[in-house]
Amino acid sequence: MHGGWAAVLQHLALGKILPCHAAETITGLEFLSVRGDHSIAWIWQHSEAFNRYRGTGWMAEPCKSL
């Protein structure tokens, strides 16, 4: 991953890890908690939500094509 989001994580009080403070507003992405079975490193590298977030499929236009 490149750019300004390369090292940004939000760690919520209940253990949920987000790529940014507003990520929970993106429909269709389920963010995992470190209180479950996975470490922060695993969530960052392997979780479906973080991998989809790094893509553009969830974005609406005009952001998607910028």
C-alpha atoms as a PDB file:
ATOM      1  CA  MET A   1       0.000   0.000   0.000  1.00  0.00           C
ATOM      2  CA  HIS A   2       1.276   3.476  -0.841  1.00  0.00           C
ATOM      3  CA  GLY A   3       0.357   7.023   0.046  1.00  0.00           C
ATOM      4  CA  GLY A   4      -0.749   8.745   3.210  1.00  0.00           C
ATOM      5  CA  TRP A   5      -2.759   5.812   4.533  1.00  0.00           C
ATOM      6  CA  ALA A   6       0.215   3.462   4.627  1.00  0.00           C
ATOM      7  CA  ALA A   7       0.485   3.509   8.430  1.00  0.00           C
ATOM      8  CA  VAL A   8      -2.838   4.779   9.766  1.00  0.00           C
ATOM      9  CA  LEU A   9      -5.014   2.665  12.058  1.00  0.00           C
ATOM     10  CA  GLN A  10      -7.835   3.513  14.416  1.00  0.00           C
ATOM     11  CA  HIS A  11      -8.041   1.259  17.476  1.00  0.00           C
ATOM     12  CA  LEU A  12     -11.429   1.576  19.125  1.00  0.00           C
ATOM     13  CA  ALA A  13     -12.052   0.923  22.818  1.00  0.00           C
ATOM     14  CA  LEU A  14     -13.767  -2.406  22.108  1.00  0.00           C
ATOM     15  CA  GLY A  15     -10.761  -3.644  20.127  1.00  0.00           C
ATOM     16  CA  LYS A  16     -12.044  -2.995  16.628  1.00  0.00           C
ATOM     17  CA  ILE A  17      -9.376  -1.905  14.121  1.00  0.00           C
ATOM     18  CA  LEU A  18     -10.321   0.622  11.413  1.00  0.00           C
ATOM     19  CA  PRO A  19      -8.286   2.131   8.548  1.00  0.00           C
ATOM     20  CA  CYS A  20      -9.755   5.563   9.370  1.00  0.00           C
ATOM     21  CA  HIS A  21     -12.222   7.063  11.841  1.00  0.00           C
ATOM     22  CA  ALA A  22     -15.120   7.029   9.347  1.00  0.00           C
ATOM     23  CA  ALA A  23     -14.525   3.577   7.843  1.00  0.00           C
ATOM     24  CA  GLU A  24     -17.523   2.046   9.632  1.00  0.00           C
ATOM     25  CA  THR A  25     -19.797   4.183   7.448  1.00  0.00           C
ATOM     26  CA  ILE A  26     -18.751   2.208   4.342  1.00  0.00           C
ATOM     27  CA  THR A  27     -21.446  -0.380   3.764  1.00  0.00           C
ATOM     28  CA  GLY A  28     -20.337  -3.935   3.132  1.00  0.00           C
ATOM     29  CA  LEU A  29     -17.089  -3.802   5.121  1.00  0.00           C
ATOM     30  CA  GLU A  30     -16.841  -5.678   8.414  1.00  0.00           C
ATOM     31  CA  PHE A  31     -13.895  -4.660  10.558  1.00  0.00           C
ATOM     32  CA  LEU A  32     -12.350  -7.170  12.961  1.00  0.00           C
ATOM     33  CA  SER A  33     -11.360  -6.783  16.589  1.00  0.00           C
ATOM     34  CA  VAL A  34      -8.029  -7.623  18.193  1.00  0.00           C
ATOM     35  CA  ARG A  35     -10.103  -9.135  20.982  1.00  0.00           C
ATOM     36  CA  GLY A  36     -10.971 -11.934  18.565  1.00  0.00           C
ATOM     37  CA  ASP A  37      -8.593 -14.427  17.024  1.00  0.00           C
ATOM     38  CA  HIS A  38      -6.294 -12.079  15.106  1.00  0.00           C
ATOM     39  CA  SER A  39      -3.455  -9.658  15.793  1.00  0.00           C
ATOM     40  CA  ILE A  40      -3.264  -6.093  14.481  1.00  0.00           C
ATOM     41  CA  ALA A  41      -0.648  -7.262  11.958  1.00  0.00           C
ATOM     42  CA  TRP A  42      -2.932 -10.035  10.658  1.00  0.00           C
ATOM     43  CA  ILE A  43      -5.902  -7.659  10.413  1.00  0.00           C
ATOM     44  CA  TRP A  44      -3.794  -5.077   8.530  1.00  0.00           C
ATOM     45  CA  GLN A  45      -2.347  -7.607   6.082  1.00  0.00           C
ATOM     46  CA  HIS A  46      -5.047 -10.241   5.628  1.00  0.00           C
ATOM     47  CA  SER A  47      -8.524  -9.083   6.626  1.00  0.00           C
ATOM     48  CA  GLU A  48     -11.032  -8.788   3.813  1.00  0.00           C
ATOM     49  CA  ALA A  49     -12.149  -5.332   4.972  1.00  0.00           C
ATOM     50  CA  PHE A  50      -8.645  -3.812   4.950  1.00  0.00           C
ATOM     51  CA  ASN A  51      -7.819  -5.360   1.582  1.00  0.00           C
ATOM     52  CA  ARG A  52     -11.082  -4.102   0.085  1.00  0.00           C
ATOM     53  CA  TYR A  53     -10.576  -0.672   1.684  1.00  0.00           C
ATOM     54  CA  ARG A  54      -7.197  -0.366  -0.029  1.00  0.00           C
ATOM     55  CA  GLY A  55      -8.984  -0.884  -3.352  1.00  0.00           C
ATOM     56  CA  THR A  56     -11.482   1.432  -5.044  1.00  0.00           C
ATOM     57  CA  GLY A  57     -14.472  -0.878  -5.543  1.00  0.00           C
ATOM     58  CA  TRP A  58     -16.344   0.539  -2.544  1.00  0.00           C
ATOM     59  CA  MET A  59     -15.923   4.199  -3.603  1.00  0.00           C
ATOM     60  CA  ALA A  60     -18.624   6.275  -5.240  1.00  0.00           C
ATOM     61  CA  GLU A  61     -17.899   8.586  -8.157  1.00  0.00           C
ATOM     62  CA  PRO A  62     -16.196  11.004  -8.551  1.00  0.00           C
ATOM     63  CA  CYS A  63     -13.768   9.729  -5.887  1.00  0.00           C
ATOM     64  CA  LYS A  64     -13.402   6.343  -7.565  1.00  0.00           C
ATOM     65  CA  SER A  65     -11.972   7.798 -10.774  1.00  0.00           C
ATOM     66  CA  LEU A  66      -9.701  10.447  -9.227  1.00  0.00           C
END
